[in-house]
Amino acid sequence: MSVERVGVSFEPKLLSKFDTLIKKKGYSNRSEAIRDLIRKEILDSEIKEEEGEVIGTLTIIYDHEIGNITNALLHLQHHHHEEITFTTHIHIDERTCLEIVVIRGLLSRVKNFSEHITAIKGVKHGQLAIIKTHP
């Protein structure tokens, strides 16, 4: 594989923070860390701009005693059964649950599912992490 060399200028304080960060993450050099950042930004940009198939996880934390949340969650999951690959449910304490949904499908349907789930009364936090299935 051929590579092209490019020069990048950093303010000393920013470079020091970057060096600390990449050391914590286990990078052996700046070049690989910068390449990974660029790859991530390109993939993120493609996901935001293109309609296509994605795969990812939706992680939610909710209070199962608020309203009809359990039924609402199940209803939405059944409505999106074609996109849902796997779910897992963890009891954090007497009222709080964590649920992870592995979801795969068209970006618009995955986002729609995520937005509807996180909008349910009782959902305290929701985070969708997605990548393209064919980067």
N, C-alpha and C. Protein backbone atom coordinates (compact mmCIF):
# COMPACT_ATOMS: atom_id res chain seq x y z
N MET A 1 0.85 -1.18 0.00
CA MET A 1 0.00 0.00 0.00
C MET A 1 0.89 1.23 0.00
N SER A 2 0.59 2.15 -0.90
CA SER A 2 1.36 3.39 -0.92
C SER A 2 0.71 4.41 -0.01
N VAL A 3 1.51 5.33 0.46
CA VAL A 3 1.01 6.40 1.31
C VAL A 3 1.55 7.73 0.81
N GLU A 4 0.82 8.77 1.11
CA GLU A 4 1.29 10.12 0.81
C GLU A 4 1.54 10.83 2.12
N ARG A 5 2.59 11.56 2.18
CA ARG A 5 2.93 12.32 3.38
C ARG A 5 2.32 13.71 3.27
N VAL A 6 1.76 14.17 4.38
CA VAL A 6 1.22 15.52 4.46
C VAL A 6 1.71 16.14 5.75
N GLY A 7 1.77 17.43 5.78
CA GLY A 7 2.19 18.14 6.99
C GLY A 7 0.98 18.73 7.69
N VAL A 8 0.98 18.67 8.99
CA VAL A 8 -0.11 19.24 9.79
C VAL A 8 0.52 20.08 10.88
N SER A 9 0.01 21.28 11.06
CA SER A 9 0.53 22.17 12.10
C SER A 9 -0.43 22.20 13.28
N PHE A 10 0.12 22.15 14.49
CA PHE A 10 -0.66 22.17 15.71
C PHE A 10 -0.12 23.25 16.63
N GLU A 11 -1.03 23.86 17.40
CA GLU A 11 -0.58 24.69 18.50
C GLU A 11 0.02 23.75 19.54
N PRO A 12 1.08 24.17 20.26
CA PRO A 12 1.74 23.27 21.22
C PRO A 12 0.79 22.68 22.26
N LYS A 13 -0.13 23.47 22.79
CA LYS A 13 -1.05 22.99 23.81
C LYS A 13 -1.98 21.91 23.24
N LEU A 14 -2.48 22.11 22.02
CA LEU A 14 -3.35 21.14 21.38
C LEU A 14 -2.59 19.84 21.09
N LEU A 15 -1.37 19.96 20.60
CA LEU A 15 -0.55 18.79 20.31
C LEU A 15 -0.27 17.99 21.59
N SER A 16 0.00 18.68 22.66
CA SER A 16 0.26 18.00 23.93
C SER A 16 -0.97 17.22 24.39
N LYS A 17 -2.15 17.83 24.27
CA LYS A 17 -3.39 17.14 24.64
C LYS A 17 -3.64 15.94 23.73
N PHE A 18 -3.35 16.11 22.45
CA PHE A 18 -3.53 15.02 21.49
C PHE A 18 -2.58 13.87 21.81
N ASP A 19 -1.33 14.18 22.10
CA ASP A 19 -0.35 13.14 22.46
C ASP A 19 -0.78 12.38 23.72
N THR A 20 -1.31 13.09 24.69
CA THR A 20 -1.79 12.45 25.92
C THR A 20 -2.95 11.51 25.60
N LEU A 21 -3.87 11.98 24.77
CA LEU A 21 -5.04 11.19 24.39
C LEU A 21 -4.63 9.92 23.64
N ILE A 22 -3.78 10.05 22.64
CA ILE A 22 -3.44 8.87 21.85
C ILE A 22 -2.59 7.87 22.65
N LYS A 23 -1.82 8.38 23.60
CA LYS A 23 -1.06 7.48 24.46
C LYS A 23 -2.02 6.65 25.31
N LYS A 24 -3.05 7.30 25.89
CA LYS A 24 -4.05 6.60 26.69
C LYS A 24 -4.79 5.55 25.87
N LYS A 25 -5.02 5.85 24.60
CA LYS A 25 -5.75 4.93 23.73
C LYS A 25 -4.86 3.83 23.16
N GLY A 26 -3.54 3.95 23.37
CA GLY A 26 -2.64 2.89 22.94
C GLY A 26 -2.06 3.03 21.55
N TYR A 27 -2.18 4.19 20.95
CA TYR A 27 -1.57 4.39 19.63
C TYR A 27 -0.05 4.47 19.78
N SER A 28 0.63 3.90 18.81
CA SER A 28 2.09 3.95 18.86
C SER A 28 2.64 5.18 18.13
N ASN A 29 1.78 5.83 17.33
CA ASN A 29 2.24 7.04 16.63
C ASN A 29 1.07 7.94 16.29
N ARG A 30 1.37 9.17 15.99
CA ARG A 30 0.34 10.17 15.67
C ARG A 30 -0.35 9.86 14.35
N SER A 31 0.40 9.35 13.39
CA SER A 31 -0.16 9.12 12.05
C SER A 31 -1.37 8.19 12.09
N GLU A 32 -1.24 7.08 12.80
CA GLU A 32 -2.37 6.14 12.85
C GLU A 32 -3.56 6.75 13.58
N ALA A 33 -3.31 7.51 14.61
CA ALA A 33 -4.39 8.17 15.33
C ALA A 33 -5.11 9.17 14.42
N ILE A 34 -4.37 9.94 13.67
CA ILE A 34 -4.97 10.91 12.75
C ILE A 34 -5.74 10.19 11.66
N ARG A 35 -5.18 9.10 11.11
CA ARG A 35 -5.90 8.33 10.09
C ARG A 35 -7.23 7.80 10.64
N ASP A 36 -7.22 7.28 11.88
CA ASP A 36 -8.45 6.78 12.48
C ASP A 36 -9.49 7.88 12.66
N LEU A 37 -9.04 9.06 13.09
CA LEU A 37 -9.97 10.19 13.23
C LEU A 37 -10.59 10.56 11.89
N ILE A 38 -9.79 10.56 10.84
CA ILE A 38 -10.28 10.90 9.51
C ILE A 38 -11.26 9.84 9.02
N ARG A 39 -10.92 8.56 9.21
CA ARG A 39 -11.83 7.47 8.81
C ARG A 39 -13.17 7.61 9.51
N LYS A 40 -13.13 7.89 10.82
CA LYS A 40 -14.36 8.03 11.60
C LYS A 40 -15.21 9.19 11.06
N GLU A 41 -14.58 10.31 10.79
CA GLU A 41 -15.32 11.47 10.28
C GLU A 41 -15.93 11.18 8.92
N ILE A 42 -15.21 10.47 8.06
CA ILE A 42 -15.73 10.13 6.73
C ILE A 42 -16.95 9.22 6.87
N LEU A 43 -16.83 8.18 7.71
CA LEU A 43 -17.97 7.27 7.92
C LEU A 43 -19.16 8.00 8.53
N ASP A 44 -18.91 8.84 9.53
CA ASP A 44 -19.99 9.61 10.14
C ASP A 44 -20.68 10.50 9.11
N SER A 45 -19.90 11.13 8.27
CA SER A 45 -20.45 12.01 7.24
C SER A 45 -21.29 11.21 6.24
N GLU A 46 -20.79 10.05 5.83
CA GLU A 46 -21.53 9.22 4.89
C GLU A 46 -22.85 8.74 5.50
N ILE A 47 -22.82 8.39 6.77
CA ILE A 47 -24.05 7.93 7.43
C ILE A 47 -25.08 9.06 7.47
N LYS A 48 -24.64 10.28 7.73
CA LYS A 48 -25.56 11.41 7.84
C LYS A 48 -26.11 11.82 6.48
N GLU A 49 -25.33 11.61 5.43
CA GLU A 49 -25.70 12.13 4.11
C GLU A 49 -26.38 11.11 3.20
N GLU A 50 -26.20 9.82 3.44
CA GLU A 50 -26.68 8.82 2.52
C GLU A 50 -27.78 7.96 3.13
N GLU A 51 -28.71 7.57 2.31
CA GLU A 51 -29.68 6.55 2.72
C GLU A 51 -29.07 5.23 2.31
N GLY A 52 -29.02 4.33 3.21
CA GLY A 52 -28.47 3.01 2.93
C GLY A 52 -28.62 2.15 4.15
N GLU A 53 -28.08 0.95 4.07
CA GLU A 53 -28.19 0.03 5.19
C GLU A 53 -27.13 0.32 6.23
N VAL A 54 -27.58 0.30 7.48
CA VAL A 54 -26.69 0.51 8.62
C VAL A 54 -26.95 -0.59 9.64
N ILE A 55 -26.02 -0.73 10.56
CA ILE A 55 -26.19 -1.63 11.69
C ILE A 55 -25.68 -0.91 12.92
N GLY A 56 -26.28 -1.19 14.05
CA GLY A 56 -25.83 -0.50 15.24
C GLY A 56 -26.57 -0.94 16.48
N THR A 57 -26.40 -0.15 17.51
CA THR A 57 -27.06 -0.44 18.78
C THR A 57 -27.79 0.81 19.27
N LEU A 58 -28.93 0.56 19.88
CA LEU A 58 -29.64 1.60 20.59
C LEU A 58 -29.61 1.18 22.05
N THR A 59 -29.01 2.01 22.89
CA THR A 59 -28.94 1.74 24.32
C THR A 59 -29.84 2.73 25.03
N ILE A 60 -30.75 2.20 25.84
CA ILE A 60 -31.66 3.08 26.58
C ILE A 60 -31.65 2.71 28.06
N ILE A 61 -31.87 3.72 28.87
CA ILE A 61 -32.07 3.55 30.30
C ILE A 61 -33.45 4.13 30.60
N TYR A 62 -34.26 3.36 31.32
CA TYR A 62 -35.61 3.84 31.60
C TYR A 62 -36.11 3.34 32.95
N ASP A 63 -37.13 4.04 33.43
CA ASP A 63 -37.81 3.70 34.68
C ASP A 63 -39.05 2.89 34.30
N HIS A 64 -39.05 1.60 34.59
CA HIS A 64 -40.14 0.74 34.15
C HIS A 64 -41.45 0.99 34.91
N GLU A 65 -41.42 1.83 35.93
CA GLU A 65 -42.63 2.11 36.69
C GLU A 65 -43.37 3.35 36.21
N ILE A 66 -42.83 4.02 35.22
CA ILE A 66 -43.49 5.22 34.70
C ILE A 66 -44.45 4.83 33.59
N GLY A 67 -45.69 5.17 33.79
CA GLY A 67 -46.72 4.96 32.77
C GLY A 67 -46.78 3.54 32.27
N ASN A 68 -46.93 3.43 30.97
CA ASN A 68 -47.08 2.15 30.29
C ASN A 68 -45.83 1.87 29.45
N ILE A 69 -44.68 2.25 29.99
CA ILE A 69 -43.45 2.21 29.20
C ILE A 69 -43.09 0.83 28.68
N THR A 70 -43.26 -0.20 29.50
CA THR A 70 -42.89 -1.55 29.06
C THR A 70 -43.70 -1.96 27.84
N ASN A 71 -44.99 -1.72 27.87
CA ASN A 71 -45.83 -2.06 26.71
C ASN A 71 -45.49 -1.20 25.51
N ALA A 72 -45.22 0.07 25.73
CA ALA A 72 -44.87 0.96 24.62
C ALA A 72 -43.57 0.51 23.95
N LEU A 73 -42.58 0.14 24.76
CA LEU A 73 -41.31 -0.35 24.20
C LEU A 73 -41.52 -1.63 23.40
N LEU A 74 -42.26 -2.56 23.97
CA LEU A 74 -42.51 -3.82 23.26
C LEU A 74 -43.29 -3.60 21.96
N HIS A 75 -44.28 -2.71 22.01
CA HIS A 75 -45.07 -2.42 20.81
C HIS A 75 -44.18 -1.89 19.69
N LEU A 76 -43.33 -0.91 20.01
CA LEU A 76 -42.45 -0.35 18.99
C LEU A 76 -41.45 -1.39 18.48
N GLN A 77 -40.94 -2.22 19.36
CA GLN A 77 -40.00 -3.25 18.93
C GLN A 77 -40.68 -4.26 17.99
N HIS A 78 -41.91 -4.62 18.30
CA HIS A 78 -42.63 -5.54 17.41
C HIS A 78 -42.94 -4.87 16.07
N HIS A 79 -43.24 -3.59 16.10
CA HIS A 79 -43.51 -2.85 14.86
C HIS A 79 -42.27 -2.82 13.97
N HIS A 80 -41.09 -2.87 14.57
CA HIS A 80 -39.83 -2.83 13.83
C HIS A 80 -39.11 -4.19 13.88
N HIS A 81 -39.86 -5.28 13.95
CA HIS A 81 -39.25 -6.60 14.10
C HIS A 81 -38.31 -6.97 12.96
N GLU A 82 -38.52 -6.42 11.77
CA GLU A 82 -37.65 -6.75 10.64
C GLU A 82 -36.26 -6.14 10.80
N GLU A 83 -36.15 -5.04 11.53
CA GLU A 83 -34.85 -4.40 11.73
C GLU A 83 -34.13 -4.89 12.99
N ILE A 84 -34.86 -5.41 13.94
CA ILE A 84 -34.25 -5.78 15.22
C ILE A 84 -33.63 -7.17 15.12
N THR A 85 -32.33 -7.21 15.43
CA THR A 85 -31.57 -8.46 15.39
C THR A 85 -31.53 -9.12 16.76
N PHE A 86 -31.43 -8.30 17.80
CA PHE A 86 -31.21 -8.84 19.14
C PHE A 86 -31.55 -7.76 20.15
N THR A 87 -32.09 -8.17 21.30
CA THR A 87 -32.26 -7.24 22.41
C THR A 87 -31.80 -7.92 23.70
N THR A 88 -31.36 -7.10 24.62
CA THR A 88 -31.04 -7.61 25.94
C THR A 88 -31.52 -6.60 26.97
N HIS A 89 -31.90 -7.11 28.11
CA HIS A 89 -32.51 -6.29 29.15
C HIS A 89 -31.78 -6.55 30.46
N ILE A 90 -31.38 -5.49 31.13
CA ILE A 90 -30.64 -5.61 32.38
C ILE A 90 -31.35 -4.78 33.45
N HIS A 91 -31.54 -5.36 34.62
CA HIS A 91 -32.14 -4.65 35.74
C HIS A 91 -31.02 -3.96 36.52
N ILE A 92 -31.03 -2.63 36.51
CA ILE A 92 -30.00 -1.86 37.21
C ILE A 92 -30.32 -1.76 38.69
N ASP A 93 -31.57 -1.45 38.99
CA ASP A 93 -32.04 -1.43 40.38
C ASP A 93 -33.53 -1.76 40.35
N GLU A 94 -34.24 -1.46 41.44
CA GLU A 94 -35.65 -1.84 41.54
C GLU A 94 -36.54 -1.18 40.49
N ARG A 95 -36.15 -0.03 39.99
CA ARG A 95 -36.98 0.70 39.02
C ARG A 95 -36.32 0.89 37.67
N THR A 96 -35.00 0.89 37.64
CA THR A 96 -34.27 1.30 36.44
C THR A 96 -33.81 0.10 35.63
N CYS A 97 -34.03 0.18 34.33
CA CYS A 97 -33.63 -0.88 33.41
C CYS A 97 -32.73 -0.30 32.32
N LEU A 98 -31.85 -1.14 31.83
CA LEU A 98 -31.02 -0.81 30.67
C LEU A 98 -31.36 -1.82 29.60
N GLU A 99 -31.60 -1.32 28.42
CA GLU A 99 -31.92 -2.21 27.31
C GLU A 99 -31.03 -1.86 26.13
N ILE A 100 -30.51 -2.89 25.49
CA ILE A 100 -29.68 -2.72 24.30
C ILE A 100 -30.37 -3.43 23.16
N VAL A 101 -30.57 -2.71 22.07
CA VAL A 101 -31.23 -3.26 20.89
C VAL A 101 -30.22 -3.20 19.75
N VAL A 102 -29.92 -4.35 19.18
CA VAL A 102 -29.09 -4.39 17.98
C VAL A 102 -30.05 -4.28 16.80
N ILE A 103 -29.81 -3.28 15.96
CA ILE A 103 -30.76 -2.96 14.90
C ILE A 103 -30.03 -2.80 13.57
N ARG A 104 -30.66 -3.32 12.52
CA ARG A 104 -30.05 -3.28 11.19
C ARG A 104 -31.14 -2.99 10.16
N GLY A 105 -30.84 -2.07 9.27
CA GLY A 105 -31.82 -1.74 8.24
C GLY A 105 -31.49 -0.43 7.57
N LEU A 106 -32.46 0.10 6.84
CA LEU A 106 -32.27 1.38 6.19
C LEU A 106 -32.10 2.47 7.24
N LEU A 107 -31.20 3.38 6.98
CA LEU A 107 -30.90 4.46 7.92
C LEU A 107 -32.16 5.17 8.40
N SER A 108 -33.06 5.48 7.49
CA SER A 108 -34.27 6.22 7.87
C SER A 108 -35.12 5.42 8.86
N ARG A 109 -35.23 4.12 8.68
CA ARG A 109 -36.03 3.29 9.60
C ARG A 109 -35.34 3.13 10.94
N VAL A 110 -34.02 2.98 10.93
CA VAL A 110 -33.26 2.85 12.17
C VAL A 110 -33.37 4.13 12.98
N LYS A 111 -33.20 5.29 12.33
CA LYS A 111 -33.33 6.57 13.03
C LYS A 111 -34.75 6.77 13.54
N ASN A 112 -35.73 6.42 12.73
CA ASN A 112 -37.12 6.57 13.13
C ASN A 112 -37.41 5.74 14.38
N PHE A 113 -36.96 4.50 14.39
CA PHE A 113 -37.14 3.63 15.54
C PHE A 113 -36.49 4.24 16.78
N SER A 114 -35.25 4.68 16.63
CA SER A 114 -34.50 5.26 17.75
C SER A 114 -35.20 6.49 18.31
N GLU A 115 -35.64 7.38 17.44
CA GLU A 115 -36.29 8.61 17.88
C GLU A 115 -37.60 8.31 18.62
N HIS A 116 -38.37 7.35 18.12
CA HIS A 116 -39.63 7.01 18.78
C HIS A 116 -39.41 6.34 20.14
N ILE A 117 -38.39 5.50 20.21
CA ILE A 117 -38.10 4.83 21.49
C ILE A 117 -37.66 5.86 22.54
N THR A 118 -36.73 6.74 22.16
CA THR A 118 -36.19 7.69 23.14
C THR A 118 -37.22 8.75 23.53
N ALA A 119 -38.27 8.91 22.74
CA ALA A 119 -39.30 9.90 23.05
C ALA A 119 -40.36 9.37 24.02
N ILE A 120 -40.32 8.07 24.30
CA ILE A 120 -41.32 7.49 25.20
C ILE A 120 -41.12 8.04 26.61
N LYS A 121 -42.23 8.42 27.25
CA LYS A 121 -42.18 8.91 28.63
C LYS A 121 -41.61 7.82 29.53
N GLY A 122 -40.59 8.18 30.30
CA GLY A 122 -39.92 7.24 31.19
C GLY A 122 -38.53 6.86 30.73
N VAL A 123 -38.24 7.09 29.43
CA VAL A 123 -36.88 6.84 28.94
C VAL A 123 -36.01 7.99 29.41
N LYS A 124 -35.02 7.67 30.24
CA LYS A 124 -34.15 8.70 30.82
C LYS A 124 -33.02 9.08 29.87
N HIS A 125 -32.53 8.09 29.12
CA HIS A 125 -31.40 8.33 28.23
C HIS A 125 -31.46 7.33 27.09
N GLY A 126 -31.13 7.77 25.91
CA GLY A 126 -31.04 6.89 24.76
C GLY A 126 -29.89 7.32 23.88
N GLN A 127 -29.14 6.34 23.39
CA GLN A 127 -28.02 6.66 22.51
C GLN A 127 -27.95 5.65 21.38
N LEU A 128 -27.95 6.14 20.15
CA LEU A 128 -27.86 5.32 18.97
C LEU A 128 -26.43 5.39 18.44
N ALA A 129 -25.83 4.25 18.23
CA ALA A 129 -24.50 4.17 17.61
C ALA A 129 -24.64 3.31 16.36
N ILE A 130 -24.36 3.89 15.20
CA ILE A 130 -24.53 3.15 13.95
C ILE A 130 -23.31 3.27 13.06
N ILE A 131 -23.15 2.25 12.22
CA ILE A 131 -22.12 2.26 11.18
C ILE A 131 -22.75 1.69 9.92
N LYS A 132 -22.14 1.97 8.79
CA LYS A 132 -22.62 1.40 7.54
C LYS A 132 -22.27 -0.08 7.53
N THR A 133 -23.15 -0.88 6.92
CA THR A 133 -22.85 -2.31 6.86
C THR A 133 -21.77 -2.61 5.83
N HIS A 134 -21.58 -1.72 4.87
CA HIS A 134 -20.55 -1.90 3.84
C HIS A 134 -19.75 -0.61 3.72
N PRO A 135 -18.80 -0.39 4.67
CA PRO A 135 -18.04 0.87 4.64
C PRO A 135 -17.15 1.00 3.43
